[in-house]
């Protein structure tokens, strides 16, 4: 179970890093994917990252007795 919790936290952190990357790319001038597409990707990764973080916290709190 500890491996599942660890993987959940790692994927959560990677999603949040990806969200930050897409958001920073959208702030630059003249990027190929339109800013709307980059912001949509950033939003999706942000929601996924926060959701996985909450799931990881719940799993950790249930497992730690």
PDB file of N, CA and C in Angstrom:
ATOM      1  N   UNK A   1       0.812  -1.190   0.000  1.00  0.00           N
ATOM      2  CA  UNK A   1       0.000   0.000   0.000  1.00  0.00           C
ATOM      3  C   UNK A   1       0.862   1.264   0.000  1.00  0.00           C
ATOM      4  N   UNK A   2       2.031   1.167   0.611  1.00  0.00           N
ATOM      5  CA  UNK A   2       2.913   2.338   0.663  1.00  0.00           C
ATOM      6  C   UNK A   2       3.382   2.735  -0.730  1.00  0.00           C
ATOM      7  N   UNK A   3       3.562   1.741  -1.601  1.00  0.00           N
ATOM      8  CA  UNK A   3       3.976   2.037  -2.971  1.00  0.00           C
ATOM      9  C   UNK A   3       2.906   2.790  -3.739  1.00  0.00           C
ATOM     10  N   UNK A   4       1.658   2.428  -3.538  1.00  0.00           N
ATOM     11  CA  UNK A   4       0.543   3.110  -4.215  1.00  0.00           C
ATOM     12  C   UNK A   4       0.446   4.555  -3.754  1.00  0.00           C
ATOM     13  N   UNK A   5       0.610   4.767  -2.458  1.00  0.00           N
ATOM     14  CA  UNK A   5       0.556   6.125  -1.911  1.00  0.00           C
ATOM     15  C   UNK A   5       1.712   6.955  -2.463  1.00  0.00           C
ATOM     16  N   UNK A   6       2.893   6.374  -2.513  1.00  0.00           N
ATOM     17  CA  UNK A   6       4.060   7.084  -3.039  1.00  0.00           C
ATOM     18  C   UNK A   6       3.856   7.459  -4.508  1.00  0.00           C
ATOM     19  N   UNK A   7       3.380   6.504  -5.311  1.00  0.00           N
ATOM     20  CA  UNK A   7       3.148   6.772  -6.736  1.00  0.00           C
ATOM     21  C   UNK A   7       2.089   7.854  -6.912  1.00  0.00           C
ATOM     22  N   UNK A   8       1.057   7.851  -6.067  1.00  0.00           N
ATOM     23  CA  UNK A   8       0.020   8.882  -6.140  1.00  0.00           C
ATOM     24  C   UNK A   8       0.611  10.260  -5.878  1.00  0.00           C
ATOM     25  N   UNK A   9       1.469  10.364  -4.868  1.00  0.00           N
ATOM     26  CA  UNK A   9       2.098  11.651  -4.579  1.00  0.00           C
ATOM     27  C   UNK A   9       3.042  12.078  -5.705  1.00  0.00           C
ATOM     28  N   UNK A  10       3.784  11.147  -6.274  1.00  0.00           N
ATOM     29  CA  UNK A  10       4.722  11.485  -7.358  1.00  0.00           C
ATOM     30  C   UNK A  10       3.964  11.980  -8.587  1.00  0.00           C
ATOM     31  N   UNK A  11       2.899  11.282  -8.966  1.00  0.00           N
ATOM     32  CA  UNK A  11       2.115  11.710 -10.127  1.00  0.00           C
ATOM     33  C   UNK A  11       1.466  13.060  -9.857  1.00  0.00           C
ATOM     34  N   UNK A  12       1.023  13.288  -8.627  1.00  0.00           N
ATOM     35  CA  UNK A  12       0.437  14.572  -8.259  1.00  0.00           C
ATOM     36  C   UNK A  12       1.448  15.705  -8.424  1.00  0.00           C
ATOM     37  N   UNK A  13       2.651  15.493  -7.938  1.00  0.00           N
ATOM     38  CA  UNK A  13       3.694  16.517  -8.051  1.00  0.00           C
ATOM     39  C   UNK A  13       4.050  16.762  -9.510  1.00  0.00           C
ATOM     40  N   UNK A  14       4.126  15.698 -10.309  1.00  0.00           N
ATOM     41  CA  UNK A  14       4.440  15.867 -11.730  1.00  0.00           C
ATOM     42  C   UNK A  14       3.335  16.638 -12.457  1.00  0.00           C
ATOM     43  N   UNK A  15       2.090  16.383 -12.111  1.00  0.00           N
ATOM     44  CA  UNK A  15       0.987  17.128 -12.717  1.00  0.00           C
ATOM     45  C   UNK A  15       1.063  18.607 -12.354  1.00  0.00           C
ATOM     46  N   UNK A  16       1.383  18.898 -11.103  1.00  0.00           N
ATOM     47  CA  UNK A  16       1.480  20.299 -10.685  1.00  0.00           C
ATOM     48  C   UNK A  16       2.666  20.997 -11.337  1.00  0.00           C
ATOM     49  N   UNK A  17       3.762  20.285 -11.539  1.00  0.00           N
ATOM     50  CA  UNK A  17       4.907  20.864 -12.256  1.00  0.00           C
ATOM     51  C   UNK A  17       4.542  21.110 -13.717  1.00  0.00           C
ATOM     52  N   UNK A  18       3.833  20.170 -14.331  1.00  0.00           N
ATOM     53  CA  UNK A  18       3.382  20.351 -15.709  1.00  0.00           C
ATOM     54  C   UNK A  18       2.429  21.517 -15.840  1.00  0.00           C
ATOM     55  N   UNK A  19       1.546  21.689 -14.858  1.00  0.00           N
ATOM     56  CA  UNK A  19       0.630  22.823 -14.863  1.00  0.00           C
ATOM     57  C   UNK A  19       1.406  24.134 -14.833  1.00  0.00           C
ATOM     58  N   UNK A  20       2.412  24.199 -13.974  1.00  0.00           N
ATOM     59  CA  UNK A  20       3.231  25.406 -13.887  1.00  0.00           C
ATOM     60  C   UNK A  20       3.949  25.667 -15.205  1.00  0.00           C
ATOM     61  N   UNK A  21       4.459  24.612 -15.833  1.00  0.00           N
ATOM     62  CA  UNK A  21       5.163  24.760 -17.100  1.00  0.00           C
ATOM     63  C   UNK A  21       4.232  25.310 -18.193  1.00  0.00           C
ATOM     64  N   UNK A  22       3.042  24.728 -18.328  1.00  0.00           N
ATOM     65  CA  UNK A  22       2.110  25.202 -19.350  1.00  0.00           C
ATOM     66  C   UNK A  22       1.645  26.627 -19.066  1.00  0.00           C
ATOM     67  N   UNK A  23       1.468  26.952 -17.788  1.00  0.00           N
ATOM     68  CA  UNK A  23       1.056  28.314 -17.455  1.00  0.00           C
ATOM     69  C   UNK A  23       2.155  29.313 -17.800  1.00  0.00           C
ATOM     70  N   UNK A  24       3.406  28.957 -17.499  1.00  0.00           N
ATOM     71  CA  UNK A  24       4.515  29.862 -17.826  1.00  0.00           C
ATOM     72  C   UNK A  24       4.673  30.017 -19.338  1.00  0.00           C
ATOM     73  N   UNK A  25       4.454  28.921 -20.092  1.00  0.00           N
ATOM     74  CA  UNK A  25       4.517  29.024 -21.548  1.00  0.00           C
ATOM     75  C   UNK A  25       3.423  29.926 -22.099  1.00  0.00           C
ATOM     76  N   UNK A  26       2.254  29.916 -21.471  1.00  0.00           N
ATOM     77  CA  UNK A  26       1.156  30.747 -21.963  1.00  0.00           C
ATOM     78  C   UNK A  26       1.411  32.228 -21.723  1.00  0.00           C
ATOM     79  N   UNK A  27       2.313  32.554 -20.815  1.00  0.00           N
ATOM     80  CA  UNK A  27       2.606  33.954 -20.524  1.00  0.00           C
ATOM     81  C   UNK A  27       3.619  34.554 -21.496  1.00  0.00           C
ATOM     82  N   UNK A  28       4.301  33.700 -22.255  1.00  0.00           N
ATOM     83  CA  UNK A  28       5.265  34.206 -23.234  1.00  0.00           C
ATOM     84  C   UNK A  28       4.539  34.730 -24.465  1.00  0.00           C
ATOM     85  N   UNK A  29       5.172  35.641 -25.143  1.00  0.00           N
ATOM     86  CA  UNK A  29       4.598  36.183 -26.368  1.00  0.00           C
ATOM     87  C   UNK A  29       4.909  35.249 -27.535  1.00  0.00           C
ATOM     88  N   UNK A  30       3.979  35.114 -28.439  1.00  0.00           N
ATOM     89  CA  UNK A  30       4.141  34.353 -29.678  1.00  0.00           C
ATOM     90  C   UNK A  30       4.543  32.903 -29.446  1.00  0.00           C
ATOM     91  N   UNK A  31       3.683  32.148 -28.826  1.00  0.00           N
ATOM     92  CA  UNK A  31       3.903  30.718 -28.677  1.00  0.00           C
ATOM     93  C   UNK A  31       3.034  30.004 -29.687  1.00  0.00           C
ATOM     94  N   UNK A  32       3.506  28.821 -30.161  1.00  0.00           N
ATOM     95  CA  UNK A  32       2.758  28.147 -31.218  1.00  0.00           C
ATOM     96  C   UNK A  32       1.391  27.654 -30.773  1.00  0.00           C
ATOM     97  N   UNK A  33       1.315  26.787 -29.763  1.00  0.00           N
ATOM     98  CA  UNK A  33      -0.063  26.457 -29.398  1.00  0.00           C
ATOM     99  C   UNK A  33      -0.715  27.716 -28.845  1.00  0.00           C
ATOM    100  N   UNK A  34      -1.911  28.017 -29.253  1.00  0.00           N
ATOM    101  CA  UNK A  34      -2.564  29.234 -28.754  1.00  0.00           C
ATOM    102  C   UNK A  34      -2.654  29.241 -27.232  1.00  0.00           C
ATOM    103  N   UNK A  35      -2.735  30.441 -26.686  1.00  0.00           N
ATOM    104  CA  UNK A  35      -2.755  30.578 -25.240  1.00  0.00           C
ATOM    105  C   UNK A  35      -3.949  29.878 -24.626  1.00  0.00           C
ATOM    106  N   UNK A  36      -5.070  29.842 -25.348  1.00  0.00           N
ATOM    107  CA  UNK A  36      -6.259  29.162 -24.827  1.00  0.00           C
ATOM    108  C   UNK A  36      -5.995  27.671 -24.641  1.00  0.00           C
ATOM    109  N   UNK A  37      -5.264  27.079 -25.586  1.00  0.00           N
ATOM    110  CA  UNK A  37      -4.949  25.649 -25.501  1.00  0.00           C
ATOM    111  C   UNK A  37      -4.004  25.387 -24.338  1.00  0.00           C
ATOM    112  N   UNK A  38      -3.005  26.238 -24.176  1.00  0.00           N
ATOM    113  CA  UNK A  38      -2.057  26.068 -23.080  1.00  0.00           C
ATOM    114  C   UNK A  38      -2.739  26.228 -21.725  1.00  0.00           C
ATOM    115  N   UNK A  39      -3.649  27.199 -21.615  1.00  0.00           N
ATOM    116  CA  UNK A  39      -4.348  27.396 -20.357  1.00  0.00           C
ATOM    117  C   UNK A  39      -5.299  26.243 -20.063  1.00  0.00           C
ATOM    118  N   UNK A  40      -5.891  25.664 -21.119  1.00  0.00           N
ATOM    119  CA  UNK A  40      -6.766  24.511 -20.918  1.00  0.00           C
ATOM    120  C   UNK A  40      -5.966  23.314 -20.407  1.00  0.00           C
ATOM    121  N   UNK A  41      -4.771  23.109 -20.994  1.00  0.00           N
ATOM    122  CA  UNK A  41      -3.905  22.016 -20.526  1.00  0.00           C
ATOM    123  C   UNK A  41      -3.455  22.263 -19.090  1.00  0.00           C
ATOM    124  N   UNK A  42      -3.112  23.516 -18.783  1.00  0.00           N
ATOM    125  CA  UNK A  42      -2.689  23.848 -17.426  1.00  0.00           C
ATOM    126  C   UNK A  42      -3.819  23.601 -16.438  1.00  0.00           C
ATOM    127  N   UNK A  43      -5.030  23.958 -16.798  1.00  0.00           N
ATOM    128  CA  UNK A  43      -6.165  23.732 -15.919  1.00  0.00           C
ATOM    129  C   UNK A  43      -6.437  22.262 -15.689  1.00  0.00           C
ATOM    130  N   UNK A  44      -6.341  21.472 -16.751  1.00  0.00           N
ATOM    131  CA  UNK A  44      -6.561  20.032 -16.625  1.00  0.00           C
ATOM    132  C   UNK A  44      -5.513  19.383 -15.729  1.00  0.00           C
ATOM    133  N   UNK A  45      -4.257  19.756 -15.930  1.00  0.00           N
ATOM    134  CA  UNK A  45      -3.196  19.203 -15.086  1.00  0.00           C
ATOM    135  C   UNK A  45      -3.321  19.677 -13.638  1.00  0.00           C
ATOM    136  N   UNK A  46      -3.776  20.904 -13.451  1.00  0.00           N
ATOM    137  CA  UNK A  46      -3.969  21.413 -12.099  1.00  0.00           C
ATOM    138  C   UNK A  46      -5.057  20.653 -11.361  1.00  0.00           C
ATOM    139  N   UNK A  47      -6.181  20.416 -12.039  1.00  0.00           N
ATOM    140  CA  UNK A  47      -7.274  19.662 -11.417  1.00  0.00           C
ATOM    141  C   UNK A  47      -6.830  18.235 -11.119  1.00  0.00           C
ATOM    142  N   UNK A  48      -6.132  17.616 -12.061  1.00  0.00           N
ATOM    143  CA  UNK A  48      -5.651  16.247 -11.843  1.00  0.00           C
ATOM    144  C   UNK A  48      -4.649  16.198 -10.693  1.00  0.00           C
ATOM    145  N   UNK A  49      -3.760  17.173 -10.627  1.00  0.00           N
ATOM    146  CA  UNK A  49      -2.753  17.199  -9.564  1.00  0.00           C
ATOM    147  C   UNK A  49      -3.363  17.379  -8.186  1.00  0.00           C
ATOM    148  N   UNK A  50      -4.315  18.299  -8.074  1.00  0.00           N
ATOM    149  CA  UNK A  50      -4.966  18.534  -6.785  1.00  0.00           C
ATOM    150  C   UNK A  50      -5.796  17.317  -6.376  1.00  0.00           C
ATOM    151  N   UNK A  51      -6.499  16.720  -7.349  1.00  0.00           N
ATOM    152  CA  UNK A  51      -7.306  15.532  -7.045  1.00  0.00           C
ATOM    153  C   UNK A  51      -6.433  14.387  -6.558  1.00  0.00           C
ATOM    154  N   UNK A  52      -5.337  14.138  -7.257  1.00  0.00           N
ATOM    155  CA  UNK A  52      -4.438  13.065  -6.828  1.00  0.00           C
ATOM    156  C   UNK A  52      -3.787  13.366  -5.486  1.00  0.00           C
ATOM    157  N   UNK A  53      -3.511  14.634  -5.225  1.00  0.00           N
ATOM    158  CA  UNK A  53      -2.939  15.008  -3.930  1.00  0.00           C
ATOM    159  C   UNK A  53      -3.927  14.722  -2.804  1.00  0.00           C
ATOM    160  N   UNK A  54      -5.189  15.056  -3.016  1.00  0.00           N
ATOM    161  CA  UNK A  54      -6.211  14.788  -2.008  1.00  0.00           C
ATOM    162  C   UNK A  54      -6.383  13.280  -1.811  1.00  0.00           C
ATOM    163  N   UNK A  55      -6.399  12.519  -2.904  1.00  0.00           N
ATOM    164  CA  UNK A  55      -6.515  11.066  -2.807  1.00  0.00           C
ATOM    165  C   UNK A  55      -5.316  10.491  -2.055  1.00  0.00           C
ATOM    166  N   UNK A  56      -4.136  10.988  -2.346  1.00  0.00           N
ATOM    167  CA  UNK A  56      -2.937  10.520  -1.645  1.00  0.00           C
ATOM    168  C   UNK A  56      -2.980  10.825  -0.161  1.00  0.00           C
ATOM    169  N   UNK A  57      -3.451  12.009   0.180  1.00  0.00           N
ATOM    170  CA  UNK A  57      -3.563  12.386   1.596  1.00  0.00           C
ATOM    171  C   UNK A  57      -4.579  11.502   2.307  1.00  0.00           C
ATOM    172  N   UNK A  58      -5.714  11.241   1.626  1.00  0.00           N
ATOM    173  CA  UNK A  58      -6.724  10.364   2.220  1.00  0.00           C
ATOM    174  C   UNK A  58      -6.193   8.945   2.414  1.00  0.00           C
ATOM    175  N   UNK A  59      -5.500   8.430   1.405  1.00  0.00           N
ATOM    176  CA  UNK A  59      -4.924   7.090   1.545  1.00  0.00           C
ATOM    177  C   UNK A  59      -3.886   7.035   2.644  1.00  0.00           C
ATOM    178  N   UNK A  60      -3.086   8.068   2.750  1.00  0.00           N
ATOM    179  CA  UNK A  60      -2.059   8.110   3.787  1.00  0.00           C
ATOM    180  C   UNK A  60      -2.673   8.183   5.175  1.00  0.00           C
ATOM    181  N   UNK A  61      -3.733   9.003   5.303  1.00  0.00           N
ATOM    182  CA  UNK A  61      -4.361   9.144   6.619  1.00  0.00           C
ATOM    183  C   UNK A  61      -5.106   7.870   7.024  1.00  0.00           C
ATOM    184  N   UNK A  62      -5.644   7.133   6.056  1.00  0.00           N
ATOM    185  CA  UNK A  62      -6.322   5.883   6.383  1.00  0.00           C
ATOM    186  C   UNK A  62      -5.314   4.785   6.732  1.00  0.00           C
ATOM    187  N   UNK A  63      -4.157   4.814   6.091  1.00  0.00           N
ATOM    188  CA  UNK A  63      -3.159   3.773   6.316  1.00  0.00           C
ATOM    189  C   UNK A  63      -2.362   3.971   7.593  1.00  0.00           C
ATOM    190  N   UNK A  64      -2.164   5.208   7.995  1.00  0.00           N
ATOM    191  CA  UNK A  64      -1.381   5.485   9.212  1.00  0.00           C
ATOM    192  C   UNK A  64      -2.288   5.364  10.432  1.00  0.00           C
ATOM    193  N   UNK A  65      -2.074   4.331  11.232  1.00  0.00           N
ATOM    194  CA  UNK A  65      -2.922   4.134  12.420  1.00  0.00           C
ATOM    195  C   UNK A  65      -2.145   4.367  13.686  1.00  0.00           C
TER     196      UNK A  65
END
